[in-house]
Amino acid sequence: MTSAGTERRSLEPVMRKSTAAMIADSVRGALERGDLPPGAQLGEAELARQLGVSRGPLREGLQRLTQEGLLLSIRNRGLFVIEMTPDRVRDMYVARSAVERAAAEQIHLGTPAEAGAELLKITDAMSATAEVDDRSGVGEADIAFHDVLVGFAGSPRLSRMHRTLLTETRMGIHALDPTYEGADTRVAEHRAIAQSFIDRDPDKTDRLLRLHMADAVERLIPCDD
């Protein structure tokens, strides 16, 4: 006879997203696409109408994004999309560097060659879009590369932090897009990072990630800022 304790261990809870979580995901997607530009004020009534939800779960969903730092609540004024200033972009890349280097360290303790092979596939896709001057495609492949990299670390906490950072990255690219060029260089940088995993060279991976983040900041932020 199976004990109650055994029964509890044999069953996994059914995970369902709350309405607030789905609202947060929907608004996050609008932020990533640039549909809600930096500095824009968010009106609850209009958002509730567009999303087809009531004010209660809407406020909860927006509060989640405020806690992530993607929205800013100003007393007596309302809720605003954060501004992607040069200082914010620099700070965001400091955090991304820390998260991705930590993820890379974990990957090298596990299956670096497998991760490197998957990352090379994404780099090939990035190269193909660069050849036809598809800047949007290059950008999406860039984001996918780093998303997969952190995912291979197998750390839910790193992945959660990284998700917000990638949203900010997309917002920064939309806001500062005219200065974000050099697709060929970006492809080469990603290919080298992927290859360093295949070569099982953690020191090289760490060095390349640091240089890659610094290079991204230089591309996104004009020299006179």
C-alpha atoms as a PDB file:
ATOM      1  CA  MET A   1       0.000   0.000   0.000  1.00  0.00           C
ATOM      2  CA  THR A   2       1.338   3.407  -0.947  1.00  0.00           C
ATOM      3  CA  SER A   3       1.685   5.890   1.884  1.00  0.00           C
ATOM      4  CA  ALA A   4       0.293   9.402   1.683  1.00  0.00           C
ATOM      5  CA  GLY A   5       3.835  10.734   1.711  1.00  0.00           C
ATOM      6  CA  THR A   6       4.747   8.582  -1.284  1.00  0.00           C
ATOM      7  CA  GLU A   7       1.642   9.715  -3.127  1.00  0.00           C
ATOM      8  CA  ARG A   8       2.587  13.335  -2.639  1.00  0.00           C
ATOM      9  CA  ARG A   9       6.073  12.726  -4.001  1.00  0.00           C
ATOM     10  CA  SER A  10       4.784  10.880  -7.073  1.00  0.00           C
ATOM     11  CA  LEU A  11       2.527  13.710  -8.224  1.00  0.00           C
ATOM     12  CA  GLU A  12       3.735  16.895  -9.876  1.00  0.00           C
ATOM     13  CA  PRO A  13       1.640  20.060  -9.591  1.00  0.00           C
ATOM     14  CA  VAL A  14      -0.029  21.332 -12.751  1.00  0.00           C
ATOM     15  CA  MET A  15       1.479  24.707 -13.509  1.00  0.00           C
ATOM     16  CA  ARG A  16      -0.808  27.295 -15.064  1.00  0.00           C
ATOM     17  CA  LYS A  17       0.047  30.877 -15.820  1.00  0.00           C
ATOM     18  CA  SER A  18      -2.015  33.425 -13.957  1.00  0.00           C
ATOM     19  CA  THR A  19      -3.793  36.181 -15.840  1.00  0.00           C
ATOM     20  CA  ALA A  20      -1.360  38.677 -14.337  1.00  0.00           C
ATOM     21  CA  ALA A  21       1.605  36.669 -15.635  1.00  0.00           C
ATOM     22  CA  MET A  22       0.107  36.546 -19.129  1.00  0.00           C
ATOM     23  CA  ILE A  23      -0.523  40.283 -19.023  1.00  0.00           C
ATOM     24  CA  ALA A  24       3.086  40.884 -17.972  1.00  0.00           C
ATOM     25  CA  ASP A  25       4.286  38.699 -20.863  1.00  0.00           C
ATOM     26  CA  SER A  26       2.094  40.577 -23.335  1.00  0.00           C
ATOM     27  CA  VAL A  27       3.273  44.009 -22.209  1.00  0.00           C
ATOM     28  CA  ARG A  28       6.880  42.771 -22.091  1.00  0.00           C
ATOM     29  CA  GLY A  29       6.544  41.692 -25.718  1.00  0.00           C
ATOM     30  CA  ALA A  30       5.254  45.161 -26.659  1.00  0.00           C
ATOM     31  CA  LEU A  31       8.276  46.681 -24.916  1.00  0.00           C
ATOM     32  CA  GLU A  32      10.638  44.376 -26.800  1.00  0.00           C
ATOM     33  CA  ARG A  33       9.065  45.231 -30.170  1.00  0.00           C
ATOM     34  CA  GLY A  34       9.152  48.946 -29.480  1.00  0.00           C
ATOM     35  CA  ASP A  35       5.353  49.200 -29.565  1.00  0.00           C
ATOM     36  CA  LEU A  36       5.559  50.938 -26.187  1.00  0.00           C
ATOM     37  CA  PRO A  37       8.513  53.310 -26.649  1.00  0.00           C
ATOM     38  CA  PRO A  38      10.828  54.461 -23.861  1.00  0.00           C
ATOM     39  CA  GLY A  39       9.305  57.257 -21.818  1.00  0.00           C
ATOM     40  CA  ALA A  40       5.737  56.452 -22.862  1.00  0.00           C
ATOM     41  CA  GLN A  41       3.039  56.815 -20.206  1.00  0.00           C
ATOM     42  CA  LEU A  42       0.797  53.788 -19.785  1.00  0.00           C
ATOM     43  CA  GLY A  43      -2.909  54.356 -19.324  1.00  0.00           C
ATOM     44  CA  GLU A  44      -4.680  51.601 -17.394  1.00  0.00           C
ATOM     45  CA  ALA A  45      -8.028  52.098 -19.113  1.00  0.00           C
ATOM     46  CA  GLU A  46      -6.574  51.832 -22.617  1.00  0.00           C
ATOM     47  CA  LEU A  47      -4.353  48.861 -21.764  1.00  0.00           C
ATOM     48  CA  ALA A  48      -7.239  47.036 -20.101  1.00  0.00           C
ATOM     49  CA  ARG A  49      -9.357  47.633 -23.208  1.00  0.00           C
ATOM     50  CA  GLN A  50      -6.656  46.427 -25.608  1.00  0.00           C
ATOM     51  CA  LEU A  51      -5.882  43.325 -23.556  1.00  0.00           C
ATOM     52  CA  GLY A  52      -9.500  42.571 -22.719  1.00  0.00           C
ATOM     53  CA  VAL A  53      -8.883  42.315 -18.988  1.00  0.00           C
ATOM     54  CA  SER A  54     -10.076  43.994 -15.815  1.00  0.00           C
ATOM     55  CA  ARG A  55      -8.081  46.559 -13.848  1.00  0.00           C
ATOM     56  CA  GLY A  56      -7.138  44.182 -10.997  1.00  0.00           C
ATOM     57  CA  PRO A  57      -5.000  41.641 -12.901  1.00  0.00           C
ATOM     58  CA  LEU A  58      -3.720  44.431 -15.166  1.00  0.00           C
ATOM     59  CA  ARG A  59      -2.305  46.292 -12.187  1.00  0.00           C
ATOM     60  CA  GLU A  60      -0.752  43.091 -10.860  1.00  0.00           C
ATOM     61  CA  GLY A  61       0.860  42.356 -14.219  1.00  0.00           C
ATOM     62  CA  LEU A  62       2.216  45.897 -14.540  1.00  0.00           C
ATOM     63  CA  GLN A  63       3.527  45.715 -10.977  1.00  0.00           C
ATOM     64  CA  ARG A  64       5.598  42.696 -11.956  1.00  0.00           C
ATOM     65  CA  LEU A  65       7.221  44.682 -14.744  1.00  0.00           C
ATOM     66  CA  THR A  66       7.784  47.598 -12.376  1.00  0.00           C
ATOM     67  CA  GLN A  67       9.579  45.237  -9.979  1.00  0.00           C
ATOM     68  CA  GLU A  68      11.725  44.017 -12.880  1.00  0.00           C
ATOM     69  CA  GLY A  69      12.710  47.633 -13.569  1.00  0.00           C
ATOM     70  CA  LEU A  70      11.071  47.829 -17.001  1.00  0.00           C
ATOM     71  CA  LEU A  71       8.378  50.273 -15.898  1.00  0.00           C
ATOM     72  CA  LEU A  72       8.676  53.275 -13.613  1.00  0.00           C
ATOM     73  CA  SER A  73       5.918  54.377 -11.232  1.00  0.00           C
ATOM     74  CA  ILE A  74       5.984  58.109 -10.474  1.00  0.00           C
ATOM     75  CA  ARG A  75       3.770  59.276  -7.635  1.00  0.00           C
ATOM     76  CA  ASN A  76       0.873  61.491  -8.725  1.00  0.00           C
ATOM     77  CA  ARG A  77       1.916  61.130 -12.358  1.00  0.00           C
ATOM     78  CA  GLY A  78       1.433  57.509 -13.309  1.00  0.00           C
ATOM     79  CA  LEU A  79       3.306  54.614 -14.883  1.00  0.00           C
ATOM     80  CA  PHE A  80       5.969  55.065 -17.554  1.00  0.00           C
ATOM     81  CA  VAL A  81       8.230  52.927 -19.732  1.00  0.00           C
ATOM     82  CA  ILE A  82      11.832  53.372 -18.608  1.00  0.00           C
ATOM     83  CA  GLU A  83      14.089  55.609 -20.693  1.00  0.00           C
ATOM     84  CA  MET A  84      17.014  53.771 -22.290  1.00  0.00           C
ATOM     85  CA  THR A  85      19.648  56.357 -21.435  1.00  0.00           C
ATOM     86  CA  PRO A  86      23.357  55.737 -22.114  1.00  0.00           C
ATOM     87  CA  ASP A  87      23.965  55.221 -18.378  1.00  0.00           C
ATOM     88  CA  ARG A  88      21.144  52.677 -18.167  1.00  0.00           C
ATOM     89  CA  VAL A  89      22.473  50.832 -21.210  1.00  0.00           C
ATOM     90  CA  ARG A  90      25.971  50.686 -19.737  1.00  0.00           C
ATOM     91  CA  ASP A  91      24.626  49.377 -16.426  1.00  0.00           C
ATOM     92  CA  MET A  92      22.467  46.816 -18.198  1.00  0.00           C
ATOM     93  CA  TYR A  93      25.520  45.421 -19.992  1.00  0.00           C
ATOM     94  CA  VAL A  94      27.431  45.241 -16.696  1.00  0.00           C
ATOM     95  CA  ALA A  95      24.648  42.998 -15.408  1.00  0.00           C
ATOM     96  CA  ARG A  96      24.463  40.986 -18.641  1.00  0.00           C
ATOM     97  CA  SER A  97      28.196  40.396 -18.524  1.00  0.00           C
ATOM     98  CA  ALA A  98      27.961  39.077 -14.968  1.00  0.00           C
ATOM     99  CA  VAL A  99      25.039  36.760 -15.771  1.00  0.00           C
ATOM    100  CA  GLU A 100      26.429  35.393 -19.026  1.00  0.00           C
ATOM    101  CA  ARG A 101      29.929  34.846 -17.675  1.00  0.00           C
ATOM    102  CA  ALA A 102      28.443  32.962 -14.710  1.00  0.00           C
ATOM    103  CA  ALA A 103      26.361  30.902 -17.136  1.00  0.00           C
ATOM    104  CA  ALA A 104      29.416  30.147 -19.262  1.00  0.00           C
ATOM    105  CA  GLU A 105      31.287  28.948 -16.194  1.00  0.00           C
ATOM    106  CA  GLN A 106      28.483  26.483 -15.444  1.00  0.00           C
ATOM    107  CA  ILE A 107      28.377  25.294 -19.051  1.00  0.00           C
ATOM    108  CA  HIS A 108      32.090  24.470 -18.973  1.00  0.00           C
ATOM    109  CA  LEU A 109      31.434  22.302 -15.924  1.00  0.00           C
ATOM    110  CA  GLY A 110      28.857  20.340 -17.916  1.00  0.00           C
ATOM    111  CA  THR A 111      28.533  19.890 -21.685  1.00  0.00           C
ATOM    112  CA  PRO A 112      30.382  22.781 -23.345  1.00  0.00           C
ATOM    113  CA  ALA A 113      30.770  21.047 -26.711  1.00  0.00           C
ATOM    114  CA  GLU A 114      27.022  20.464 -26.973  1.00  0.00           C
ATOM    115  CA  ALA A 115      26.327  24.097 -26.108  1.00  0.00           C
ATOM    116  CA  GLY A 116      28.940  25.301 -28.581  1.00  0.00           C
ATOM    117  CA  ALA A 117      27.460  23.229 -31.404  1.00  0.00           C
ATOM    118  CA  GLU A 118      23.990  24.685 -30.771  1.00  0.00           C
ATOM    119  CA  LEU A 119      25.385  28.200 -30.606  1.00  0.00           C
ATOM    120  CA  LEU A 120      27.220  27.687 -33.897  1.00  0.00           C
ATOM    121  CA  LYS A 121      23.899  26.841 -35.567  1.00  0.00           C
ATOM    122  CA  ILE A 122      22.489  30.157 -34.404  1.00  0.00           C
ATOM    123  CA  THR A 123      25.624  31.939 -35.590  1.00  0.00           C
ATOM    124  CA  ASP A 124      25.165  30.398 -39.049  1.00  0.00           C
ATOM    125  CA  ALA A 125      21.608  31.761 -39.115  1.00  0.00           C
ATOM    126  CA  MET A 126      22.927  35.160 -38.058  1.00  0.00           C
ATOM    127  CA  SER A 127      25.475  35.068 -40.863  1.00  0.00           C
ATOM    128  CA  ALA A 128      22.792  34.236 -43.428  1.00  0.00           C
ATOM    129  CA  THR A 129      20.666  37.211 -42.380  1.00  0.00           C
ATOM    130  CA  ALA A 130      23.721  39.491 -42.384  1.00  0.00           C
ATOM    131  CA  GLU A 131      24.499  38.504 -45.983  1.00  0.00           C
ATOM    132  CA  VAL A 132      21.114  39.797 -47.148  1.00  0.00           C
ATOM    133  CA  ASP A 133      21.395  42.905 -44.951  1.00  0.00           C
ATOM    134  CA  ASP A 134      18.496  41.823 -42.728  1.00  0.00           C
ATOM    135  CA  ARG A 135      19.323  43.868 -39.639  1.00  0.00           C
ATOM    136  CA  SER A 136      16.206  42.723 -37.816  1.00  0.00           C
ATOM    137  CA  GLY A 137      17.125  39.088 -38.466  1.00  0.00           C
ATOM    138  CA  VAL A 138      20.660  39.655 -37.231  1.00  0.00           C
ATOM    139  CA  GLY A 139      19.310  41.244 -34.066  1.00  0.00           C
ATOM    140  CA  GLU A 140      16.907  38.391 -33.363  1.00  0.00           C
ATOM    141  CA  ALA A 141      19.650  35.809 -33.920  1.00  0.00           C
ATOM    142  CA  ASP A 142      21.889  37.808 -31.589  1.00  0.00           C
ATOM    143  CA  ILE A 143      19.251  37.717 -28.838  1.00  0.00           C
ATOM    144  CA  ALA A 144      18.580  34.005 -29.448  1.00  0.00           C
ATOM    145  CA  PHE A 145      22.304  33.229 -29.144  1.00  0.00           C
ATOM    146  CA  HIS A 146      22.568  34.743 -25.677  1.00  0.00           C
ATOM    147  CA  ASP A 147      19.228  33.329 -24.569  1.00  0.00           C
ATOM    148  CA  VAL A 148      20.354  29.811 -25.505  1.00  0.00           C
ATOM    149  CA  LEU A 149      23.766  30.360 -23.910  1.00  0.00           C
ATOM    150  CA  VAL A 150      22.265  31.172 -20.513  1.00  0.00           C
ATOM    151  CA  GLY A 151      19.679  28.419 -20.904  1.00  0.00           C
ATOM    152  CA  PHE A 152      22.431  25.813 -21.238  1.00  0.00           C
ATOM    153  CA  ALA A 153      23.671  26.735 -17.744  1.00  0.00           C
ATOM    154  CA  GLY A 154      20.562  25.085 -16.305  1.00  0.00           C
ATOM    155  CA  SER A 155      20.072  27.833 -13.712  1.00  0.00           C
ATOM    156  CA  PRO A 156      16.480  29.098 -13.339  1.00  0.00           C
ATOM    157  CA  ARG A 157      17.699  32.149 -11.405  1.00  0.00           C
ATOM    158  CA  LEU A 158      20.193  33.188 -14.068  1.00  0.00           C
ATOM    159  CA  SER A 159      17.530  32.653 -16.740  1.00  0.00           C
ATOM    160  CA  ARG A 160      15.003  34.819 -14.870  1.00  0.00           C
ATOM    161  CA  MET A 161      17.471  37.673 -14.481  1.00  0.00           C
ATOM    162  CA  HIS A 162      18.620  37.313 -18.058  1.00  0.00           C
ATOM    163  CA  ARG A 163      15.087  37.491 -19.424  1.00  0.00           C
ATOM    164  CA  THR A 164      14.638  41.017 -18.069  1.00  0.00           C
ATOM    165  CA  LEU A 165      18.091  42.025 -19.303  1.00  0.00           C
ATOM    166  CA  LEU A 166      17.313  40.806 -22.826  1.00  0.00           C
ATOM    167  CA  THR A 167      14.096  42.827 -22.808  1.00  0.00           C
ATOM    168  CA  GLU A 168      16.141  45.906 -21.890  1.00  0.00           C
ATOM    169  CA  THR A 169      18.625  44.999 -24.630  1.00  0.00           C
ATOM    170  CA  ARG A 170      15.856  44.970 -27.233  1.00  0.00           C
ATOM    171  CA  MET A 171      14.539  48.270 -25.900  1.00  0.00           C
ATOM    172  CA  GLY A 172      18.019  49.773 -26.108  1.00  0.00           C
ATOM    173  CA  ILE A 173      18.490  48.594 -29.677  1.00  0.00           C
ATOM    174  CA  HIS A 174      15.139  50.127 -30.685  1.00  0.00           C
ATOM    175  CA  ALA A 175      15.993  53.397 -28.971  1.00  0.00           C
ATOM    176  CA  LEU A 176      19.586  53.650 -30.236  1.00  0.00           C
ATOM    177  CA  ASP A 177      19.290  51.660 -33.466  1.00  0.00           C
ATOM    178  CA  PRO A 178      21.034  54.147 -35.808  1.00  0.00           C
ATOM    179  CA  THR A 179      24.347  53.517 -34.020  1.00  0.00           C
ATOM    180  CA  TYR A 180      24.029  49.717 -33.791  1.00  0.00           C
ATOM    181  CA  GLU A 181      25.779  48.455 -36.876  1.00  0.00           C
ATOM    182  CA  GLY A 182      28.640  46.138 -37.852  1.00  0.00           C
ATOM    183  CA  ALA A 183      26.833  42.854 -38.569  1.00  0.00           C
ATOM    184  CA  ASP A 184      29.968  41.118 -39.887  1.00  0.00           C
ATOM    185  CA  THR A 185      31.871  41.876 -36.699  1.00  0.00           C
ATOM    186  CA  ARG A 186      28.956  40.696 -34.578  1.00  0.00           C
ATOM    187  CA  VAL A 187      28.836  37.377 -36.458  1.00  0.00           C
ATOM    188  CA  ALA A 188      32.570  36.866 -35.968  1.00  0.00           C
ATOM    189  CA  GLU A 189      32.343  37.629 -32.249  1.00  0.00           C
ATOM    190  CA  HIS A 190      29.506  35.151 -31.712  1.00  0.00           C
ATOM    191  CA  ARG A 191      31.249  32.459 -33.744  1.00  0.00           C
ATOM    192  CA  ALA A 192      34.399  32.811 -31.643  1.00  0.00           C
ATOM    193  CA  ILE A 193      32.393  32.498 -28.408  1.00  0.00           C
ATOM    194  CA  ALA A 194      30.637  29.379 -29.683  1.00  0.00           C
ATOM    195  CA  GLN A 195      33.931  27.835 -30.790  1.00  0.00           C
ATOM    196  CA  SER A 196      35.502  28.473 -27.386  1.00  0.00           C
ATOM    197  CA  PHE A 197      32.883  26.175 -25.847  1.00  0.00           C
ATOM    198  CA  ILE A 198      33.657  23.464 -28.396  1.00  0.00           C
ATOM    199  CA  ASP A 199      37.357  23.898 -27.636  1.00  0.00           C
ATOM    200  CA  ARG A 200      36.584  23.565 -23.906  1.00  0.00           C
ATOM    201  CA  ASP A 201      38.495  26.752 -23.131  1.00  0.00           C
ATOM    202  CA  PRO A 202      36.705  28.523 -20.234  1.00  0.00           C
ATOM    203  CA  ASP A 203      39.295  31.301 -19.930  1.00  0.00           C
ATOM    204  CA  LYS A 204      38.871  32.190 -23.590  1.00  0.00           C
ATOM    205  CA  THR A 205      35.081  32.119 -23.306  1.00  0.00           C
ATOM    206  CA  ASP A 206      35.205  34.490 -20.350  1.00  0.00           C
ATOM    207  CA  ARG A 207      37.566  36.877 -22.127  1.00  0.00           C
ATOM    208  CA  LEU A 208      35.486  36.869 -25.326  1.00  0.00           C
ATOM    209  CA  LEU A 209      32.256  37.536 -23.437  1.00  0.00           C
ATOM    210  CA  ARG A 210      33.803  40.509 -21.625  1.00  0.00           C
ATOM    211  CA  LEU A 211      35.076  41.956 -24.905  1.00  0.00           C
ATOM    212  CA  HIS A 212      31.765  41.257 -26.639  1.00  0.00           C
ATOM    213  CA  MET A 213      29.776  43.169 -24.008  1.00  0.00           C
ATOM    214  CA  ALA A 214      32.186  46.114 -24.117  1.00  0.00           C
ATOM    215  CA  ASP A 215      31.970  46.170 -27.910  1.00  0.00           C
ATOM    216  CA  ALA A 216      28.153  46.158 -27.791  1.00  0.00           C
ATOM    217  CA  VAL A 217      28.166  49.202 -25.510  1.00  0.00           C
ATOM    218  CA  GLU A 218      30.478  51.042 -27.907  1.00  0.00           C
ATOM    219  CA  ARG A 219      28.160  50.299 -30.829  1.00  0.00           C
ATOM    220  CA  LEU A 220      25.008  51.326 -29.018  1.00  0.00           C
ATOM    221  CA  ILE A 221      26.257  54.513 -27.405  1.00  0.00           C
ATOM    222  CA  PRO A 222      27.727  57.351 -29.490  1.00  0.00           C
ATOM    223  CA  CYS A 223      31.246  58.369 -28.556  1.00  0.00           C
ATOM    224  CA  ASP A 224      30.163  61.871 -27.494  1.00  0.00           C
ATOM    225  CA  ASP A 225      27.765  60.562 -24.777  1.00  0.00           C
END
